[in-house]
PDB file of N, CA and C in Angstrom:
ATOM      1  N   MET A   1     127.560  83.846  93.903  1.00  0.00           N
ATOM      2  CA  MET A   1     126.983  84.426  93.045  1.00  0.00           C
ATOM      3  C   MET A   1     125.658  83.906  93.133  1.00  0.00           C
ATOM      4  N   SER A   2     125.028  84.819  92.559  1.00  0.00           N
ATOM      5  CA  SER A   2     123.427  84.694  91.872  1.00  0.00           C
ATOM      6  C   SER A   2     122.791  85.461  90.907  1.00  0.00           C
ATOM      7  N   VAL A   3     122.142  84.616  90.479  1.00  0.00           N
ATOM      8  CA  VAL A   3     121.608  85.464  88.799  1.00  0.00           C
ATOM      9  C   VAL A   3     120.055  85.608  89.262  1.00  0.00           C
ATOM     10  N   GLU A   4     119.733  86.641  88.824  1.00  0.00           N
ATOM     11  CA  GLU A   4     118.371  87.308  89.108  1.00  0.00           C
ATOM     12  C   GLU A   4     117.820  87.492  87.635  1.00  0.00           C
ATOM     13  N   LYS A   5     116.271  87.088  87.528  1.00  0.00           N
ATOM     14  CA  LYS A   5     115.734  87.115  86.567  1.00  0.00           C
ATOM     15  C   LYS A   5     114.591  88.360  86.337  1.00  0.00           C
ATOM     16  N   SER A   6     113.956  89.231  85.665  1.00  0.00           N
ATOM     17  CA  SER A   6     113.005  90.360  86.005  1.00  0.00           C
ATOM     18  C   SER A   6     111.659  89.747  85.080  1.00  0.00           C
ATOM     19  N   ILE A   7     110.494  89.891  85.183  1.00  0.00           N
ATOM     20  CA  ILE A   7     109.584  90.002  84.728  1.00  0.00           C
ATOM     21  C   ILE A   7     108.567  91.267  84.794  1.00  0.00           C
ATOM     22  N   ASP A   8     108.025  91.847  83.452  1.00  0.00           N
ATOM     23  CA  ASP A   8     107.135  92.917  84.101  1.00  0.00           C
ATOM     24  C   ASP A   8     105.831  92.391  84.170  1.00  0.00           C
ATOM     25  N   LEU A   9     104.885  93.577  85.155  1.00  0.00           N
ATOM     26  CA  LEU A   9     103.443  92.848  85.310  1.00  0.00           C
ATOM     27  C   LEU A   9     103.054  94.125  85.429  1.00  0.00           C
ATOM     28  N   THR A  10     101.564  94.157  85.014  1.00  0.00           N
ATOM     29  CA  THR A  10     100.850  95.756  85.239  1.00  0.00           C
ATOM     30  C   THR A  10      99.873  95.058  86.067  1.00  0.00           C
ATOM     31  N   ALA A  11      99.379  96.191  86.944  1.00  0.00           N
ATOM     32  CA  ALA A  11      98.021  96.038  87.651  1.00  0.00           C
ATOM     33  C   ALA A  11      97.549  97.226  88.416  1.00  0.00           C
ATOM     34  N   THR A  12      96.451  96.902  88.952  1.00  0.00           N
ATOM     35  CA  THR A  12      95.374  97.972  89.129  1.00  0.00           C
ATOM     36  C   THR A  12      95.062  97.952  90.549  1.00  0.00           C
ATOM     37  N   GLY A  13      94.807  99.358  90.945  1.00  0.00           N
ATOM     38  CA  GLY A  13      94.226  99.233  92.267  1.00  0.00           C
ATOM     39  C   GLY A  13      93.827 100.467  92.829  1.00  0.00           C
ATOM     40  N   SER A  14      93.175 100.935  93.913  1.00  0.00           N
ATOM     41  CA  SER A  14      92.455 102.202  94.166  1.00  0.00           C
ATOM     42  C   SER A  14      93.605 103.137  95.176  1.00  0.00           C
ATOM     43  N   THR A  15      94.656 102.251  95.129  1.00  0.00           N
ATOM     44  CA  THR A  15      96.095 103.436  95.578  1.00  0.00           C
ATOM     45  C   THR A  15      96.957 102.920  94.751  1.00  0.00           C
ATOM     46  N   ILE A  16      98.316 103.901  94.605  1.00  0.00           N
ATOM     47  CA  ILE A  16      99.681 103.163  94.030  1.00  0.00           C
ATOM     48  C   ILE A  16     100.018 102.121  95.030  1.00  0.00           C
ATOM     49  N   GLU A  17     100.342 102.557  96.089  1.00  0.00           N
ATOM     50  CA  GLU A  17     100.577 101.239  96.831  1.00  0.00           C
ATOM     51  C   GLU A  17      99.762  99.718  96.916  1.00  0.00           C
ATOM     52  N   GLN A  18      98.261  99.966  96.419  1.00  0.00           N
ATOM     53  CA  GLN A  18      97.492  98.556  96.258  1.00  0.00           C
ATOM     54  C   GLN A  18      97.858  98.242  95.089  1.00  0.00           C
ATOM     55  N   ALA A  19      98.032  98.763  93.975  1.00  0.00           N
ATOM     56  CA  ALA A  19      98.310  98.119  92.566  1.00  0.00           C
ATOM     57  C   ALA A  19      99.900  97.674  92.816  1.00  0.00           C
ATOM     58  N   VAL A  20     100.908  98.083  93.589  1.00  0.00           N
ATOM     59  CA  VAL A  20     101.965  97.626  93.535  1.00  0.00           C
ATOM     60  C   VAL A  20     102.100  96.032  94.352  1.00  0.00           C
ATOM     61  N   GLU A  21     101.380  96.300  95.352  1.00  0.00           N
ATOM     62  CA  GLU A  21     101.265  95.393  96.193  1.00  0.00           C
ATOM     63  C   GLU A  21     100.331  94.046  95.479  1.00  0.00           C
ATOM     64  N   GLU A  22      99.520  93.942  94.951  1.00  0.00           N
ATOM     65  CA  GLU A  22      98.715  93.367  94.171  1.00  0.00           C
ATOM     66  C   GLU A  22      99.954  92.404  92.894  1.00  0.00           C
ATOM     67  N   ALA A  23     100.442  93.263  92.426  1.00  0.00           N
ATOM     68  CA  ALA A  23     101.634  92.714  91.420  1.00  0.00           C
ATOM     69  C   ALA A  23     102.572  92.048  91.946  1.00  0.00           C
ATOM     70  N   VAL A  24     103.150  92.588  93.035  1.00  0.00           N
ATOM     71  CA  VAL A  24     104.325  91.575  93.823  1.00  0.00           C
ATOM     72  C   VAL A  24     103.802  90.285  94.430  1.00  0.00           C
ATOM     73  N   SER A  25     102.109  90.278  95.225  1.00  0.00           N
ATOM     74  CA  SER A  25     101.863  89.255  95.879  1.00  0.00           C
ATOM     75  C   SER A  25     101.404  87.992  94.542  1.00  0.00           C
ATOM     76  N   ARG A  26     100.792  88.748  93.515  1.00  0.00           N
ATOM     77  CA  ARG A  26     100.972  87.624  92.413  1.00  0.00           C
ATOM     78  C   ARG A  26     102.049  87.100  92.169  1.00  0.00           C
ATOM     79  N   ALA A  27     102.899  87.797  91.766  1.00  0.00           N
ATOM     80  CA  ALA A  27     104.370  87.080  91.100  1.00  0.00           C
ATOM     81  C   ALA A  27     104.837  86.398  92.181  1.00  0.00           C
ATOM     82  N   LYS A  28     104.377  86.307  93.444  1.00  0.00           N
ATOM     83  CA  LYS A  28     104.669  85.546  94.635  1.00  0.00           C
ATOM     84  C   LYS A  28     104.257  84.211  94.493  1.00  0.00           C
ATOM     85  N   LEU A  29     103.024  84.239  93.863  1.00  0.00           N
ATOM     86  CA  LEU A  29     102.358  82.967  93.988  1.00  0.00           C
ATOM     87  C   LEU A  29     102.864  82.059  93.074  1.00  0.00           C
ATOM     88  N   THR A  30     103.721  82.390  91.731  1.00  0.00           N
ATOM     89  CA  THR A  30     104.115  81.317  91.340  1.00  0.00           C
ATOM     90  C   THR A  30     105.895  81.313  91.139  1.00  0.00           C
ATOM     91  N   LEU A  31     106.171  82.293  91.421  1.00  0.00           N
ATOM     92  CA  LEU A  31     107.614  82.188  91.487  1.00  0.00           C
ATOM     93  C   LEU A  31     108.309  82.248  93.380  1.00  0.00           C
ATOM     94  N   GLN A  32     109.311  81.481  92.802  1.00  0.00           N
ATOM     95  CA  GLN A  32     110.229  81.608  94.343  1.00  0.00           C
ATOM     96  C   GLN A  32     111.508  82.539  94.289  1.00  0.00           C
ATOM     97  N   GLY A  33     111.759  83.062  95.450  1.00  0.00           N
ATOM     98  CA  GLY A  33     112.972  83.694  95.407  1.00  0.00           C
ATOM     99  C   GLY A  33     113.063  85.108  94.762  1.00  0.00           C
ATOM    100  N   VAL A  34     111.513  85.715  94.906  1.00  0.00           N
ATOM    101  CA  VAL A  34     111.105  87.319  95.056  1.00  0.00           C
ATOM    102  C   VAL A  34     112.099  88.186  95.311  1.00  0.00           C
ATOM    103  N   SER A  35     112.949  89.125  94.826  1.00  0.00           N
ATOM    104  CA  SER A  35     113.568  89.891  95.912  1.00  0.00           C
ATOM    105  C   SER A  35     113.721  91.288  95.913  1.00  0.00           C
ATOM    106  N   SER A  36     112.841  91.806  94.623  1.00  0.00           N
ATOM    107  CA  SER A  36     112.819  93.372  94.677  1.00  0.00           C
ATOM    108  C   SER A  36     111.686  93.787  93.488  1.00  0.00           C
ATOM    109  N   PHE A  37     111.580  94.823  93.734  1.00  0.00           N
ATOM    110  CA  PHE A  37     110.484  95.550  92.247  1.00  0.00           C
ATOM    111  C   PHE A  37     110.948  96.982  92.195  1.00  0.00           C
ATOM    112  N   GLU A  38     110.689  97.359  91.027  1.00  0.00           N
ATOM    113  CA  GLU A  38     111.244  98.508  90.528  1.00  0.00           C
ATOM    114  C   GLU A  38     109.673  99.240  89.525  1.00  0.00           C
ATOM    115  N   ILE A  39     109.418 100.482  90.005  1.00  0.00           N
ATOM    116  CA  ILE A  39     107.646 100.600  89.590  1.00  0.00           C
ATOM    117  C   ILE A  39     108.787 101.624  88.470  1.00  0.00           C
ATOM    118  N   GLU A  40     108.036 100.707  87.301  1.00  0.00           N
ATOM    119  CA  GLU A  40     108.631 101.366  85.868  1.00  0.00           C
ATOM    120  C   GLU A  40     107.579 102.570  85.419  1.00  0.00           C
ATOM    121  N   ARG A  41     106.355 102.598  85.615  1.00  0.00           N
ATOM    122  CA  ARG A  41     105.349 103.290  84.985  1.00  0.00           C
ATOM    123  C   ARG A  41     104.303 103.569  86.049  1.00  0.00           C
ATOM    124  N   ILE A  42     103.602 104.712  86.126  1.00  0.00           N
ATOM    125  CA  ILE A  42     102.097 104.927  87.032  1.00  0.00           C
ATOM    126  C   ILE A  42     101.278 105.448  85.820  1.00  0.00           C
ATOM    127  N   ASP A  43     100.166 105.086  85.920  1.00  0.00           N
ATOM    128  CA  ASP A  43      99.143 105.872  85.289  1.00  0.00           C
ATOM    129  C   ASP A  43      97.695 105.572  85.532  1.00  0.00           C
ATOM    130  N   GLY A  44      96.805 106.117  85.483  1.00  0.00           N
ATOM    131  CA  GLY A  44      95.191 106.001  85.996  1.00  0.00           C
ATOM    132  C   GLY A  44      94.391 105.523  84.839  1.00  0.00           C
ATOM    133  N   VAL A  45      93.319 105.046  85.633  1.00  0.00           N
ATOM    134  CA  VAL A  45      92.092 104.839  84.776  1.00  0.00           C
ATOM    135  C   VAL A  45      91.041 105.573  85.145  1.00  0.00           C
ATOM    136  N   VAL A  46      89.923 106.041  84.304  1.00  0.00           N
ATOM    137  CA  VAL A  46      88.515 107.162  84.807  1.00  0.00           C
ATOM    138  C   VAL A  46      87.749 106.181  84.168  1.00  0.00           C
ATOM    139  N   ASP A  47      86.778 105.743  85.388  1.00  0.00           N
ATOM    140  CA  ASP A  47      85.412 104.865  85.259  1.00  0.00           C
ATOM    141  C   ASP A  47      84.567 105.799  85.927  1.00  0.00           C
ATOM    142  N   GLU A  48      83.798 106.230  85.253  1.00  0.00           N
ATOM    143  CA  GLU A  48      82.684 107.090  85.727  1.00  0.00           C
ATOM    144  C   GLU A  48      83.030 108.441  86.798  1.00  0.00           C
ATOM    145  N   GLU A  49      82.730 108.353  88.112  1.00  0.00           N
ATOM    146  CA  GLU A  49      83.304 108.828  88.939  1.00  0.00           C
ATOM    147  C   GLU A  49      84.664 108.569  90.004  1.00  0.00           C
ATOM    148  N   GLU A  50      84.645 107.195  89.384  1.00  0.00           N
ATOM    149  CA  GLU A  50      85.642 106.540  90.347  1.00  0.00           C
ATOM    150  C   GLU A  50      87.099 106.399  89.437  1.00  0.00           C
ATOM    151  N   ILE A  51      88.171 106.686  90.352  1.00  0.00           N
ATOM    152  CA  ILE A  51      89.640 106.434  89.459  1.00  0.00           C
ATOM    153  C   ILE A  51      90.228 105.558  90.287  1.00  0.00           C
ATOM    154  N   SER A  52      91.363 104.730  89.180  1.00  0.00           N
ATOM    155  CA  SER A  52      92.100 103.466  90.335  1.00  0.00           C
ATOM    156  C   SER A  52      93.588 103.908  89.410  1.00  0.00           C
ATOM    157  N   PHE A  53      94.266 103.568  89.973  1.00  0.00           N
ATOM    158  CA  PHE A  53      96.072 103.285  89.629  1.00  0.00           C
ATOM    159  C   PHE A  53      96.400 102.386  88.949  1.00  0.00           C
ATOM    160  N   ARG A  54      97.182 102.491  87.600  1.00  0.00           N
ATOM    161  CA  ARG A  54      97.485 100.611  86.699  1.00  0.00           C
ATOM    162  C   ARG A  54      99.164 101.582  87.212  1.00  0.00           C
ATOM    163  N   VAL A  55      99.742 100.592  87.588  1.00  0.00           N
ATOM    164  CA  VAL A  55     101.621 100.228  87.676  1.00  0.00           C
ATOM    165  C   VAL A  55     101.813  99.035  86.768  1.00  0.00           C
ATOM    166  N   LEU A  56     103.002  99.614  86.266  1.00  0.00           N
ATOM    167  CA  LEU A  56     103.808  98.720  85.334  1.00  0.00           C
ATOM    168  C   LEU A  56     104.683  98.427  86.617  1.00  0.00           C
ATOM    169  N   VAL A  57     105.078  97.300  87.054  1.00  0.00           N
ATOM    170  CA  VAL A  57     106.192  96.803  88.243  1.00  0.00           C
ATOM    171  C   VAL A  57     107.059  95.864  87.574  1.00  0.00           C
ATOM    172  N   ARG A  58     108.247  96.098  87.621  1.00  0.00           N
ATOM    173  CA  ARG A  58     109.301  94.882  87.274  1.00  0.00           C
ATOM    174  C   ARG A  58     109.798  94.312  88.412  1.00  0.00           C
ATOM    175  N   VAL A  59     109.375  92.998  88.439  1.00  0.00           N
ATOM    176  CA  VAL A  59     109.710  92.162  89.773  1.00  0.00           C
ATOM    177  C   VAL A  59     110.790  90.974  89.303  1.00  0.00           C
ATOM    178  N   SER A  60     111.820  91.407  90.318  1.00  0.00           N
ATOM    179  CA  SER A  60     113.126  90.363  90.064  1.00  0.00           C
ATOM    180  C   SER A  60     113.117  89.157  91.375  1.00  0.00           C
ATOM    181  N   PHE A  61     113.456  88.110  90.575  1.00  0.00           N
ATOM    182  CA  PHE A  61     113.596  87.047  91.618  1.00  0.00           C
ATOM    183  C   PHE A  61     115.201  86.019  91.167  1.00  0.00           C
ATOM    184  N   VAL A  62     115.375  85.673  91.987  1.00  0.00           N
ATOM    185  CA  VAL A  62     116.640  84.857  91.965  1.00  0.00           C
ATOM    186  C   VAL A  62     116.424  83.367  91.692  1.00  0.00           C
ATOM    187  N   VAL A  63     116.878  83.282  90.727  1.00  0.00           N
ATOM    188  CA  VAL A  63     117.338  81.766  89.458  1.00  0.00           C
ATOM    189  C   VAL A  63     117.852  80.799  90.009  1.00  0.00           C
ATOM    190  N   LYS A  64     117.179  80.077  90.815  1.00  0.00           N
ATOM    191  CA  LYS A  64     117.928  78.921  91.420  1.00  0.00           C
ATOM    192  C   LYS A  64     118.952  77.895  90.422  1.00  0.00           C
ATOM    193  N   GLU A  65     120.021  77.137  90.971  1.00  0.00           N
ATOM    194  CA  GLU A  65     120.718  76.335  89.989  1.00  0.00           C
ATOM    195  C   GLU A  65     119.939  75.091  90.729  1.00  0.00           C
ATOM    196  N   HIS A  66     120.210  74.100  89.468  1.00  0.00           N
ATOM    197  CA  HIS A  66     119.489  72.842  89.310  1.00  0.00           C
ATOM    198  C   HIS A  66     120.567  72.155  88.862  1.00  0.00           C
ATOM    199  N   VAL A  67     121.338  71.105  89.622  1.00  0.00           N
ATOM    200  CA  VAL A  67     122.122  70.056  89.283  1.00  0.00           C
ATOM    201  C   VAL A  67     121.421  68.991  88.270  1.00  0.00           C
ATOM    202  N   HIS A  68     121.576  68.907  87.471  1.00  0.00           N
ATOM    203  CA  HIS A  68     120.730  67.495  86.897  1.00  0.00           C
ATOM    204  C   HIS A  68     121.657  66.218  86.746  1.00  0.00           C
ATOM    205  N   GLU A  69     121.143  65.157  86.939  1.00  0.00           N
ATOM    206  CA  GLU A  69     121.682  63.983  87.003  1.00  0.00           C
ATOM    207  C   GLU A  69     121.652  63.027  85.592  1.00  0.00           C
TER     208      GLU A  69
END
């Protein structure tokens, strides 16, 4: 049996996919056992004539068991 924990991350990108990939790849830099993600919210930012997408992503990872001696 495994236990998972989730964290919420916000990332931006020129596409929704790019923003999600940024959030998940950043999570994988510091977390082991990243197992899934869920997009909680999508919105956008307008800067001059350029737009970007901002996503709130819930990333789940497996909590490892450690036996302390």
